[in-house]
PDB file of all heavy atoms in Angstrom:
ATOM      1  N   PHE A   1      -0.007  -6.748   9.229  1.00  0.00           N
ATOM      2  CA  PHE A   1       0.854  -5.923  10.076  1.00  0.00           C
ATOM      3  C   PHE A   1       1.401  -4.736   9.281  1.00  0.00           C
ATOM      4  O   PHE A   1       1.409  -3.604   9.750  1.00  0.00           O
ATOM      5  CB  PHE A   1       2.001  -6.761  10.647  1.00  0.00           C
ATOM      6  CG  PHE A   1       3.011  -5.954  11.415  1.00  0.00           C
ATOM      7  CD1 PHE A   1       2.742  -5.555  12.715  1.00  0.00           C
ATOM      8  CD2 PHE A   1       4.217  -5.597  10.843  1.00  0.00           C
ATOM      9  CE1 PHE A   1       3.661  -4.808  13.429  1.00  0.00           C
ATOM     10  CE2 PHE A   1       5.145  -4.862  11.549  1.00  0.00           C
ATOM     11  CZ  PHE A   1       4.865  -4.459  12.845  1.00  0.00           C
ATOM     12  N   PHE A   2       1.891  -5.003   8.067  1.00  0.00           N
ATOM     13  CA  PHE A   2       2.486  -3.944   7.259  1.00  0.00           C
ATOM     14  C   PHE A   2       1.451  -3.102   6.519  1.00  0.00           C
ATOM     15  O   PHE A   2       1.675  -1.916   6.264  1.00  0.00           O
ATOM     16  CB  PHE A   2       3.477  -4.531   6.248  1.00  0.00           C
ATOM     17  CG  PHE A   2       4.709  -5.076   6.888  1.00  0.00           C
ATOM     18  CD1 PHE A   2       4.950  -6.438   6.907  1.00  0.00           C
ATOM     19  CD2 PHE A   2       5.628  -4.241   7.475  1.00  0.00           C
ATOM     20  CE1 PHE A   2       6.096  -6.951   7.499  1.00  0.00           C
ATOM     21  CE2 PHE A   2       6.777  -4.728   8.070  1.00  0.00           C
ATOM     22  CZ  PHE A   2       7.010  -6.098   8.087  1.00  0.00           C
ATOM     23  N   ALA A   3       0.314  -3.684   6.140  1.00  0.00           N
ATOM     24  CA  ALA A   3      -0.667  -2.974   5.324  1.00  0.00           C
ATOM     25  C   ALA A   3      -1.827  -2.401   6.132  1.00  0.00           C
ATOM     26  O   ALA A   3      -2.709  -1.764   5.563  1.00  0.00           O
ATOM     27  CB  ALA A   3      -1.212  -3.909   4.248  1.00  0.00           C
ATOM     28  N   SER A   4      -1.847  -2.601   7.442  1.00  0.00           N
ATOM     29  CA  SER A   4      -2.981  -2.127   8.233  1.00  0.00           C
ATOM     30  C   SER A   4      -3.184  -0.612   8.163  1.00  0.00           C
ATOM     31  O   SER A   4      -4.329  -0.154   8.201  1.00  0.00           O
ATOM     32  CB  SER A   4      -2.854  -2.587   9.685  1.00  0.00           C
ATOM     33  OG  SER A   4      -1.684  -2.080  10.274  1.00  0.00           O
ATOM     34  N   PRO A   5      -2.135   0.230   8.045  1.00  0.00           N
ATOM     35  CA  PRO A   5      -2.412   1.667   7.908  1.00  0.00           C
ATOM     36  C   PRO A   5      -3.160   2.019   6.619  1.00  0.00           C
ATOM     37  O   PRO A   5      -3.776   3.080   6.534  1.00  0.00           O
ATOM     38  CB  PRO A   5      -1.021   2.305   7.901  1.00  0.00           C
ATOM     39  CG  PRO A   5      -0.120   1.323   8.528  1.00  0.00           C
ATOM     40  CD  PRO A   5      -0.700  -0.012   8.219  1.00  0.00           C
ATOM     41  N   PHE A   6      -3.118   1.140   5.643  1.00  0.00           N
ATOM     42  CA  PHE A   6      -3.764   1.413   4.362  1.00  0.00           C
ATOM     43  C   PHE A   6      -5.164   0.806   4.271  1.00  0.00           C
ATOM     44  O   PHE A   6      -5.858   1.026   3.285  1.00  0.00           O
ATOM     45  CB  PHE A   6      -2.899   0.865   3.220  1.00  0.00           C
ATOM     46  CG  PHE A   6      -1.550   1.519   3.151  1.00  0.00           C
ATOM     47  CD1 PHE A   6      -0.463   0.981   3.818  1.00  0.00           C
ATOM     48  CD2 PHE A   6      -1.372   2.683   2.423  1.00  0.00           C
ATOM     49  CE1 PHE A   6       0.774   1.577   3.757  1.00  0.00           C
ATOM     50  CE2 PHE A   6      -0.132   3.292   2.366  1.00  0.00           C
ATOM     51  CZ  PHE A   6       0.945   2.743   3.037  1.00  0.00           C
ATOM     52  N   THR A   7      -5.566   0.033   5.265  1.00  0.00           N
ATOM     53  CA  THR A   7      -6.871  -0.613   5.237  1.00  0.00           C
ATOM     54  C   THR A   7      -7.956   0.440   5.411  1.00  0.00           C
ATOM     55  O   THR A   7      -7.896   1.284   6.292  1.00  0.00           O
ATOM     56  CB  THR A   7      -6.964  -1.670   6.354  1.00  0.00           C
ATOM     57  OG1 THR A   7      -5.907  -2.609   6.174  1.00  0.00           O
ATOM     58  CG2 THR A   7      -8.297  -2.400   6.310  1.00  0.00           C
ATOM     59  N   GLY A   8      -8.971   0.400   4.562  1.00  0.00           N
ATOM     60  CA  GLY A   8     -10.089   1.322   4.638  1.00  0.00           C
ATOM     61  C   GLY A   8      -9.925   2.558   3.771  1.00  0.00           C
ATOM     62  O   GLY A   8     -10.741   3.467   3.855  1.00  0.00           O
ATOM     63  N   LEU A   9      -8.918   2.597   2.927  1.00  0.00           N
ATOM     64  CA  LEU A   9      -8.746   3.755   2.047  1.00  0.00           C
ATOM     65  C   LEU A   9      -9.825   3.803   0.974  1.00  0.00           C
ATOM     66  O   LEU A   9     -10.381   4.858   0.684  1.00  0.00           O
ATOM     67  CB  LEU A   9      -7.376   3.710   1.364  1.00  0.00           C
ATOM     68  CG  LEU A   9      -6.151   3.994   2.207  1.00  0.00           C
ATOM     69  CD1 LEU A   9      -4.888   3.843   1.371  1.00  0.00           C
ATOM     70  CD2 LEU A   9      -6.212   5.380   2.798  1.00  0.00           C
ATOM     71  N   ILE A  10     -10.110   2.664   0.393  1.00  0.00           N
ATOM     72  CA  ILE A  10     -11.080   2.556  -0.701  1.00  0.00           C
ATOM     73  C   ILE A  10     -12.208   1.641  -0.238  1.00  0.00           C
ATOM     74  O   ILE A  10     -11.968   0.603   0.362  1.00  0.00           O
ATOM     75  CB  ILE A  10     -10.428   1.951  -1.965  1.00  0.00           C
ATOM     76  CG1 ILE A  10      -9.163   2.706  -2.366  1.00  0.00           C
ATOM     77  CG2 ILE A  10     -11.403   1.866  -3.115  1.00  0.00           C
ATOM     78  CD1 ILE A  10      -9.404   4.094  -2.873  1.00  0.00           C
ATOM     79  N   ALA A  11     -13.431   2.022  -0.538  1.00  0.00           N
ATOM     80  CA  ALA A  11     -14.585   1.184  -0.188  1.00  0.00           C
ATOM     81  C   ALA A  11     -15.376   0.873  -1.466  1.00  0.00           C
ATOM     82  O   ALA A  11     -15.682   1.762  -2.247  1.00  0.00           O
ATOM     83  CB  ALA A  11     -15.474   1.898   0.813  1.00  0.00           C
ATOM     84  N   PHE A  12     -15.651  -0.421  -1.650  1.00  0.00           N
ATOM     85  CA  PHE A  12     -16.487  -0.871  -2.758  1.00  0.00           C
ATOM     86  C   PHE A  12     -17.735  -1.475  -2.155  1.00  0.00           C
ATOM     87  O   PHE A  12     -17.663  -2.400  -1.337  1.00  0.00           O
ATOM     88  CB  PHE A  12     -15.758  -1.928  -3.611  1.00  0.00           C
ATOM     89  CG  PHE A  12     -14.594  -1.390  -4.380  1.00  0.00           C
ATOM     90  CD1 PHE A  12     -13.300  -1.607  -3.935  1.00  0.00           C
ATOM     91  CD2 PHE A  12     -14.791  -0.668  -5.542  1.00  0.00           C
ATOM     92  CE1 PHE A  12     -12.222  -1.116  -4.635  1.00  0.00           C
ATOM     93  CE2 PHE A  12     -13.711  -0.175  -6.255  1.00  0.00           C
ATOM     94  CZ  PHE A  12     -12.427  -0.390  -5.801  1.00  0.00           C
ATOM     95  N   ALA A  13     -18.887  -0.987  -2.549  1.00  0.00           N
ATOM     96  CA  ALA A  13     -20.150  -1.490  -2.002  1.00  0.00           C
ATOM     97  C   ALA A  13     -20.355  -2.933  -2.441  1.00  0.00           C
ATOM     98  O   ALA A  13     -20.393  -3.242  -3.628  1.00  0.00           O
ATOM     99  CB  ALA A  13     -21.318  -0.622  -2.468  1.00  0.00           C
ATOM    100  N   GLY A  14     -20.448  -3.827  -1.459  1.00  0.00           N
ATOM    101  CA  GLY A  14     -20.719  -5.229  -1.741  1.00  0.00           C
ATOM    102  C   GLY A  14     -19.511  -6.042  -2.171  1.00  0.00           C
ATOM    103  O   GLY A  14     -19.666  -7.204  -2.527  1.00  0.00           O
ATOM    104  N   HIS A  15     -18.330  -5.465  -2.184  1.00  0.00           N
ATOM    105  CA  HIS A  15     -17.131  -6.181  -2.607  1.00  0.00           C
ATOM    106  C   HIS A  15     -16.003  -5.988  -1.586  1.00  0.00           C
ATOM    107  O   HIS A  15     -15.032  -5.284  -1.846  1.00  0.00           O
ATOM    108  CB  HIS A  15     -16.650  -5.681  -3.979  1.00  0.00           C
ATOM    109  CG  HIS A  15     -17.632  -5.865  -5.074  1.00  0.00           C
ATOM    110  ND1 HIS A  15     -17.889  -7.101  -5.619  1.00  0.00           N
ATOM    111  CD2 HIS A  15     -18.422  -4.989  -5.727  1.00  0.00           C
ATOM    112  CE1 HIS A  15     -18.798  -6.964  -6.570  1.00  0.00           C
ATOM    113  NE2 HIS A  15     -19.136  -5.684  -6.648  1.00  0.00           N
ATOM    114  N   PRO A  16     -16.115  -6.642  -0.434  1.00  0.00           N
ATOM    115  CA  PRO A  16     -15.059  -6.447   0.585  1.00  0.00           C
ATOM    116  C   PRO A  16     -13.704  -7.013   0.144  1.00  0.00           C
ATOM    117  O   PRO A  16     -12.665  -6.475   0.504  1.00  0.00           O
ATOM    118  CB  PRO A  16     -15.596  -7.191   1.799  1.00  0.00           C
ATOM    119  CG  PRO A  16     -16.592  -8.155   1.266  1.00  0.00           C
ATOM    120  CD  PRO A  16     -17.165  -7.533   0.025  1.00  0.00           C
ATOM    121  N   LYS A  17     -13.723  -8.091  -0.636  1.00  0.00           N
ATOM    122  CA  LYS A  17     -12.467  -8.672  -1.090  1.00  0.00           C
ATOM    123  C   LYS A  17     -11.748  -7.721  -2.043  1.00  0.00           C
ATOM    124  O   LYS A  17     -10.535  -7.577  -1.996  1.00  0.00           O
ATOM    125  CB  LYS A  17     -12.731 -10.008  -1.784  1.00  0.00           C
ATOM    126  CG  LYS A  17     -11.464 -10.808  -2.038  1.00  0.00           C
ATOM    127  CD  LYS A  17     -11.693 -12.045  -2.868  1.00  0.00           C
ATOM    128  CE  LYS A  17     -12.567 -13.034  -2.155  1.00  0.00           C
ATOM    129  NZ  LYS A  17     -12.693 -14.299  -2.912  1.00  0.00           N
ATOM    130  N   ARG A  18     -12.508  -7.045  -2.902  1.00  0.00           N
ATOM    131  CA  ARG A  18     -11.919  -6.091  -3.832  1.00  0.00           C
ATOM    132  C   ARG A  18     -11.334  -4.892  -3.078  1.00  0.00           C
ATOM    133  O   ARG A  18     -10.280  -4.384  -3.429  1.00  0.00           O
ATOM    134  CB  ARG A  18     -12.959  -5.612  -4.841  1.00  0.00           C
ATOM    135  CG  ARG A  18     -12.346  -4.710  -5.901  1.00  0.00           C
ATOM    136  CD  ARG A  18     -13.350  -4.196  -6.900  1.00  0.00           C
ATOM    137  NE  ARG A  18     -14.001  -5.298  -7.592  1.00  0.00           N
ATOM    138  CZ  ARG A  18     -15.091  -5.157  -8.322  1.00  0.00           C
ATOM    139  NH1 ARG A  18     -15.674  -3.985  -8.427  1.00  0.00           N
ATOM    140  NH2 ARG A  18     -15.631  -6.195  -8.932  1.00  0.00           N
ATOM    141  N   ALA A  19     -12.026  -4.470  -2.015  1.00  0.00           N
ATOM    142  CA  ALA A  19     -11.533  -3.343  -1.220  1.00  0.00           C
ATOM    143  C   ALA A  19     -10.195  -3.687  -0.567  1.00  0.00           C
ATOM    144  O   ALA A  19      -9.264  -2.873  -0.574  1.00  0.00           O
ATOM    145  CB  ALA A  19     -12.552  -2.953  -0.160  1.00  0.00           C
ATOM    146  N   VAL A  20     -10.093  -4.887  -0.011  1.00  0.00           N
ATOM    147  CA  VAL A  20      -8.835  -5.307   0.610  1.00  0.00           C
ATOM    148  C   VAL A  20      -7.744  -5.423  -0.454  1.00  0.00           C
ATOM    149  O   VAL A  20      -6.594  -5.014  -0.221  1.00  0.00           O
ATOM    150  CB  VAL A  20      -9.019  -6.639   1.370  1.00  0.00           C
ATOM    151  CG1 VAL A  20      -7.685  -7.209   1.810  1.00  0.00           C
ATOM    152  CG2 VAL A  20      -9.931  -6.448   2.562  1.00  0.00           C
ATOM    153  N   THR A  21      -8.079  -5.945  -1.622  1.00  0.00           N
ATOM    154  CA  THR A  21      -7.099  -6.077  -2.699  1.00  0.00           C
ATOM    155  C   THR A  21      -6.560  -4.717  -3.121  1.00  0.00           C
ATOM    156  O   THR A  21      -5.345  -4.538  -3.268  1.00  0.00           O
ATOM    157  CB  THR A  21      -7.730  -6.793  -3.911  1.00  0.00           C
ATOM    158  OG1 THR A  21      -8.170  -8.091  -3.501  1.00  0.00           O
ATOM    159  CG2 THR A  21      -6.752  -6.914  -5.054  1.00  0.00           C
ATOM    160  N   VAL A  22      -7.428  -3.746  -3.276  1.00  0.00           N
ATOM    161  CA  VAL A  22      -6.997  -2.412  -3.695  1.00  0.00           C
ATOM    162  C   VAL A  22      -6.193  -1.736  -2.583  1.00  0.00           C
ATOM    163  O   VAL A  22      -5.141  -1.137  -2.830  1.00  0.00           O
ATOM    164  CB  VAL A  22      -8.206  -1.559  -4.128  1.00  0.00           C
ATOM    165  CG1 VAL A  22      -7.801  -0.117  -4.362  1.00  0.00           C
ATOM    166  CG2 VAL A  22      -8.834  -2.142  -5.379  1.00  0.00           C
ATOM    167  N   ASP A  23      -6.680  -1.813  -1.352  1.00  0.00           N
ATOM    168  CA  ASP A  23      -5.980  -1.195  -0.224  1.00  0.00           C
ATOM    169  C   ASP A  23      -4.585  -1.793  -0.052  1.00  0.00           C
ATOM    170  O   ASP A  23      -3.598  -1.066   0.122  1.00  0.00           O
ATOM    171  CB  ASP A  23      -6.768  -1.370   1.073  1.00  0.00           C
ATOM    172  CG  ASP A  23      -8.043  -0.541   1.092  1.00  0.00           C
ATOM    173  OD1 ASP A  23      -8.162   0.392   0.284  1.00  0.00           O
ATOM    174  OD2 ASP A  23      -8.920  -0.830   1.929  1.00  0.00           O
ATOM    175  N   TRP A  24      -4.485  -3.101  -0.072  1.00  0.00           N
ATOM    176  CA  TRP A  24      -3.186  -3.743   0.100  1.00  0.00           C
ATOM    177  C   TRP A  24      -2.302  -3.536  -1.128  1.00  0.00           C
ATOM    178  O   TRP A  24      -1.079  -3.496  -1.017  1.00  0.00           O
ATOM    179  CB  TRP A  24      -3.352  -5.225   0.421  1.00  0.00           C
ATOM    180  CG  TRP A  24      -3.813  -5.461   1.833  1.00  0.00           C
ATOM    181  CD1 TRP A  24      -4.310  -4.535   2.699  1.00  0.00           C
ATOM    182  CD2 TRP A  24      -3.805  -6.694   2.524  1.00  0.00           C
ATOM    183  NE1 TRP A  24      -4.622  -5.131   3.886  1.00  0.00           N
ATOM    184  CE2 TRP A  24      -4.318  -6.452   3.816  1.00  0.00           C
ATOM    185  CE3 TRP A  24      -3.440  -7.977   2.192  1.00  0.00           C
ATOM    186  CZ2 TRP A  24      -4.457  -7.452   4.763  1.00  0.00           C
ATOM    187  CZ3 TRP A  24      -3.573  -8.973   3.138  1.00  0.00           C
ATOM    188  CH2 TRP A  24      -4.074  -8.714   4.417  1.00  0.00           C
ATOM    189  N   GLY A  25      -2.907  -3.406  -2.301  1.00  0.00           N
ATOM    190  CA  GLY A  25      -2.136  -3.076  -3.506  1.00  0.00           C
ATOM    191  C   GLY A  25      -1.512  -1.686  -3.394  1.00  0.00           C
ATOM    192  O   GLY A  25      -0.371  -1.466  -3.797  1.00  0.00           O
ATOM    193  N   ILE A  26      -2.266  -0.745  -2.840  1.00  0.00           N
ATOM    194  CA  ILE A  26      -1.718   0.593  -2.591  1.00  0.00           C
ATOM    195  C   ILE A  26      -0.567   0.507  -1.592  1.00  0.00           C
ATOM    196  O   ILE A  26       0.465   1.161  -1.751  1.00  0.00           O
ATOM    197  CB  ILE A  26      -2.830   1.547  -2.103  1.00  0.00           C
ATOM    198  CG1 ILE A  26      -3.834   1.802  -3.230  1.00  0.00           C
ATOM    199  CG2 ILE A  26      -2.239   2.856  -1.596  1.00  0.00           C
ATOM    200  CD1 ILE A  26      -5.093   2.535  -2.789  1.00  0.00           C
ATOM    201  N   ALA A  27      -0.735  -0.321  -0.550  1.00  0.00           N
ATOM    202  CA  ALA A  27       0.329  -0.501   0.441  1.00  0.00           C
ATOM    203  C   ALA A  27       1.571  -1.099  -0.217  1.00  0.00           C
ATOM    204  O   ALA A  27       2.700  -0.673   0.063  1.00  0.00           O
ATOM    205  CB  ALA A  27      -0.156  -1.401   1.581  1.00  0.00           C
ATOM    206  N   LEU A  28       1.370  -2.076  -1.079  1.00  0.00           N
ATOM    207  CA  LEU A  28       2.481  -2.703  -1.790  1.00  0.00           C
ATOM    208  C   LEU A  28       3.258  -1.664  -2.593  1.00  0.00           C
ATOM    209  O   LEU A  28       4.496  -1.587  -2.514  1.00  0.00           O
ATOM    210  CB  LEU A  28       1.928  -3.788  -2.713  1.00  0.00           C
ATOM    211  CG  LEU A  28       2.907  -4.637  -3.496  1.00  0.00           C
ATOM    212  CD1 LEU A  28       2.354  -6.044  -3.612  1.00  0.00           C
ATOM    213  CD2 LEU A  28       3.164  -4.079  -4.854  1.00  0.00           C
ATOM    214  N   LEU A  29       2.551  -0.847  -3.344  1.00  0.00           N
ATOM    215  CA  LEU A  29       3.213   0.190  -4.137  1.00  0.00           C
ATOM    216  C   LEU A  29       3.882   1.241  -3.255  1.00  0.00           C
ATOM    217  O   LEU A  29       4.974   1.721  -3.569  1.00  0.00           O
ATOM    218  CB  LEU A  29       2.202   0.853  -5.076  1.00  0.00           C
ATOM    219  CG  LEU A  29       1.652  -0.040  -6.185  1.00  0.00           C
ATOM    220  CD1 LEU A  29       0.567   0.692  -6.960  1.00  0.00           C
ATOM    221  CD2 LEU A  29       2.765  -0.481  -7.106  1.00  0.00           C
ATOM    222  N   ALA A  30       3.244   1.588  -2.144  1.00  0.00           N
ATOM    223  CA  ALA A  30       3.827   2.582  -1.236  1.00  0.00           C
ATOM    224  C   ALA A  30       5.139   2.072  -0.632  1.00  0.00           C
ATOM    225  O   ALA A  30       6.116   2.829  -0.531  1.00  0.00           O
ATOM    226  CB  ALA A  30       2.833   2.925  -0.129  1.00  0.00           C
ATOM    227  N   TYR A  31       5.177   0.794  -0.233  1.00  0.00           N
ATOM    228  CA  TYR A  31       6.412   0.238   0.321  1.00  0.00           C
ATOM    229  C   TYR A  31       7.515   0.185  -0.732  1.00  0.00           C
ATOM    230  O   TYR A  31       8.675   0.487  -0.436  1.00  0.00           O
ATOM    231  CB  TYR A  31       6.174  -1.154   0.916  1.00  0.00           C
ATOM    232  CG  TYR A  31       5.668  -1.093   2.329  1.00  0.00           C
ATOM    233  CD1 TYR A  31       4.339  -1.386   2.621  1.00  0.00           C
ATOM    234  CD2 TYR A  31       6.506  -0.740   3.375  1.00  0.00           C
ATOM    235  CE1 TYR A  31       3.865  -1.321   3.918  1.00  0.00           C
ATOM    236  CE2 TYR A  31       6.044  -0.676   4.673  1.00  0.00           C
ATOM    237  CZ  TYR A  31       4.716  -0.961   4.944  1.00  0.00           C
ATOM    238  OH  TYR A  31       4.258  -0.892   6.220  1.00  0.00           O
ATOM    239  N   LEU A  32       7.172  -0.201  -1.948  1.00  0.00           N
ATOM    240  CA  LEU A  32       8.189  -0.232  -3.002  1.00  0.00           C
ATOM    241  C   LEU A  32       8.718   1.162  -3.318  1.00  0.00           C
ATOM    242  O   LEU A  32       9.930   1.371  -3.446  1.00  0.00           O
ATOM    243  CB  LEU A  32       7.619  -0.873  -4.274  1.00  0.00           C
ATOM    244  CG  LEU A  32       7.516  -2.383  -4.280  1.00  0.00           C
ATOM    245  CD1 LEU A  32       6.892  -2.853  -5.591  1.00  0.00           C
ATOM    246  CD2 LEU A  32       8.876  -3.024  -4.093  1.00  0.00           C
ATOM    247  N   LEU A  33       7.820   2.129  -3.408  1.00  0.00           N
ATOM    248  CA  LEU A  33       8.224   3.488  -3.720  1.00  0.00           C
ATOM    249  C   LEU A  33       9.049   4.093  -2.589  1.00  0.00           C
ATOM    250  O   LEU A  33      10.116   4.680  -2.826  1.00  0.00           O
ATOM    251  CB  LEU A  33       6.988   4.352  -3.998  1.00  0.00           C
ATOM    252  CG  LEU A  33       7.263   5.794  -4.402  1.00  0.00           C
ATOM    253  CD1 LEU A  33       8.003   5.826  -5.729  1.00  0.00           C
ATOM    254  CD2 LEU A  33       5.970   6.570  -4.500  1.00  0.00           C
ATOM    255  N   ALA A  34       8.589   3.942  -1.347  1.00  0.00           N
ATOM    256  CA  ALA A  34       9.328   4.487  -0.203  1.00  0.00           C
ATOM    257  C   ALA A  34      10.688   3.803  -0.060  1.00  0.00           C
ATOM    258  O   ALA A  34      11.695   4.462   0.217  1.00  0.00           O
ATOM    259  CB  ALA A  34       8.510   4.321   1.076  1.00  0.00           C
ATOM    260  N   GLY A  35      10.732   2.496  -0.246  1.00  0.00           N
ATOM    261  CA  GLY A  35      11.999   1.775  -0.163  1.00  0.00           C
ATOM    262  C   GLY A  35      12.976   2.216  -1.239  1.00  0.00           C
ATOM    263  O   GLY A  35      14.165   2.393  -0.972  1.00  0.00           O
ATOM    264  N   ALA A  36      12.481   2.407  -2.452  1.00  0.00           N
ATOM    265  CA  ALA A  36      13.349   2.834  -3.550  1.00  0.00           C
ATOM    266  C   ALA A  36      13.884   4.244  -3.307  1.00  0.00           C
ATOM    267  O   ALA A  36      15.071   4.514  -3.521  1.00  0.00           O
ATOM    268  CB  ALA A  36      12.594   2.772  -4.872  1.00  0.00           C
ATOM    269  N   LEU A  37      13.020   5.145  -2.853  1.00  0.00           N
ATOM    270  CA  LEU A  37      13.467   6.510  -2.589  1.00  0.00           C
ATOM    271  C   LEU A  37      14.475   6.562  -1.445  1.00  0.00           C
ATOM    272  O   LEU A  37      15.500   7.250  -1.535  1.00  0.00           O
ATOM    273  CB  LEU A  37      12.266   7.406  -2.280  1.00  0.00           C
ATOM    274  CG  LEU A  37      11.334   7.711  -3.453  1.00  0.00           C
ATOM    275  CD1 LEU A  37      10.126   8.503  -2.987  1.00  0.00           C
ATOM    276  CD2 LEU A  37      12.071   8.458  -4.542  1.00  0.00           C
ATOM    277  N   LEU A  38      14.196   5.841  -0.372  1.00  0.00           N
ATOM    278  CA  LEU A  38      15.103   5.828   0.771  1.00  0.00           C
ATOM    279  C   LEU A  38      16.436   5.182   0.403  1.00  0.00           C
ATOM    280  O   LEU A  38      17.508   5.686   0.760  1.00  0.00           O
ATOM    281  CB  LEU A  38      14.453   5.097   1.949  1.00  0.00           C
ATOM    282  CG  LEU A  38      15.201   5.144   3.266  1.00  0.00           C
ATOM    283  CD1 LEU A  38      15.376   6.579   3.735  1.00  0.00           C
ATOM    284  CD2 LEU A  38      14.436   4.349   4.310  1.00  0.00           C
ATOM    285  N   ALA A  39      16.389   4.084  -0.338  1.00  0.00           N
ATOM    286  CA  ALA A  39      17.621   3.418  -0.759  1.00  0.00           C
ATOM    287  C   ALA A  39      18.428   4.327  -1.685  1.00  0.00           C
ATOM    288  O   ALA A  39      19.651   4.384  -1.589  1.00  0.00           O
ATOM    289  CB  ALA A  39      17.300   2.098  -1.459  1.00  0.00           C
ATOM    290  N   ARG A  40      17.760   5.048  -2.540  1.00  0.00           N
ATOM    291  CA  ARG A  40      18.462   5.965  -3.457  1.00  0.00           C
ATOM    292  C   ARG A  40      19.136   7.092  -2.688  1.00  0.00           C
ATOM    293  O   ARG A  40      20.270   7.463  -2.978  1.00  0.00           O
ATOM    294  CB  ARG A  40      17.463   6.525  -4.460  1.00  0.00           C
ATOM    295  CG  ARG A  40      18.021   7.595  -5.330  1.00  0.00           C
ATOM    296  CD  ARG A  40      18.074   7.173  -6.718  1.00  0.00           C
ATOM    297  NE  ARG A  40      18.582   8.292  -7.505  1.00  0.00           N
ATOM    298  CZ  ARG A  40      19.005   8.145  -8.704  1.00  0.00           C
ATOM    299  NH1 ARG A  40      18.944   6.965  -9.248  1.00  0.00           N
ATOM    300  NH2 ARG A  40      19.461   9.140  -9.374  1.00  0.00           N
ATOM    301  N   LEU A  41      18.444   7.625  -1.684  1.00  0.00           N
ATOM    302  CA  LEU A  41      19.019   8.686  -0.862  1.00  0.00           C
ATOM    303  C   LEU A  41      20.245   8.181  -0.104  1.00  0.00           C
ATOM    304  O   LEU A  41      21.294   8.835  -0.079  1.00  0.00           O
ATOM    305  CB  LEU A  41      17.970   9.220   0.119  1.00  0.00           C
ATOM    306  CG  LEU A  41      18.444  10.273   1.102  1.00  0.00           C
ATOM    307  CD1 LEU A  41      18.801  11.554   0.366  1.00  0.00           C
ATOM    308  CD2 LEU A  41      17.376  10.531   2.142  1.00  0.00           C
ATOM    309  N   ILE A  42      20.133   7.013   0.480  1.00  0.00           N
ATOM    310  CA  ILE A  42      21.258   6.428   1.215  1.00  0.00           C
ATOM    311  C   ILE A  42      22.412   6.135   0.270  1.00  0.00           C
ATOM    312  O   ILE A  42      23.579   6.373   0.591  1.00  0.00           O
ATOM    313  CB  ILE A  42      20.808   5.165   1.969  1.00  0.00           C
ATOM    314  CG1 ILE A  42      19.817   5.532   3.079  1.00  0.00           C
ATOM    315  CG2 ILE A  42      21.995   4.414   2.555  1.00  0.00           C
ATOM    316  CD1 ILE A  42      19.148   4.342   3.723  1.00  0.00           C
ATOM    317  N   ALA A  43      22.113   5.631  -0.919  1.00  0.00           N
ATOM    318  CA  ALA A  43      23.162   5.311  -1.891  1.00  0.00           C
ATOM    319  C   ALA A  43      23.886   6.569  -2.369  1.00  0.00           C
ATOM    320  O   ALA A  43      25.093   6.543  -2.581  1.00  0.00           O
ATOM    321  CB  ALA A  43      22.571   4.567  -3.081  1.00  0.00           C
ATOM    322  N   ARG A  44      23.172   7.669  -2.508  1.00  0.00           N
ATOM    323  CA  ARG A  44      23.825   8.920  -2.913  1.00  0.00           C
ATOM    324  C   ARG A  44      24.813   9.383  -1.868  1.00  0.00           C
ATOM    325  O   ARG A  44      25.879   9.896  -2.180  1.00  0.00           O
ATOM    326  CB  ARG A  44      22.786   9.999  -3.177  1.00  0.00           C
ATOM    327  CG  ARG A  44      22.015   9.760  -4.465  1.00  0.00           C
ATOM    328  CD  ARG A  44      21.164  10.910  -4.798  1.00  0.00           C
ATOM    329  NE  ARG A  44      22.039  12.006  -5.201  1.00  0.00           N
ATOM    330  CZ  ARG A  44      21.592  13.127  -5.713  1.00  0.00           C
ATOM    331  NH1 ARG A  44      20.300  13.297  -5.878  1.00  0.00           N
ATOM    332  NH2 ARG A  44      22.410  14.084  -6.053  1.00  0.00           N
TER     333      ARG A  44
END
């Protein structure tokens, strides 16, 4: 639900599990970064 916008960013030929791992890893980092920036703005 949370990582679906990031699905399909990276494609590895013959490695669908690796593609999902990288795509969802990017989503994980994006949520942490966006949350930290938004929280910092609100805290200021």
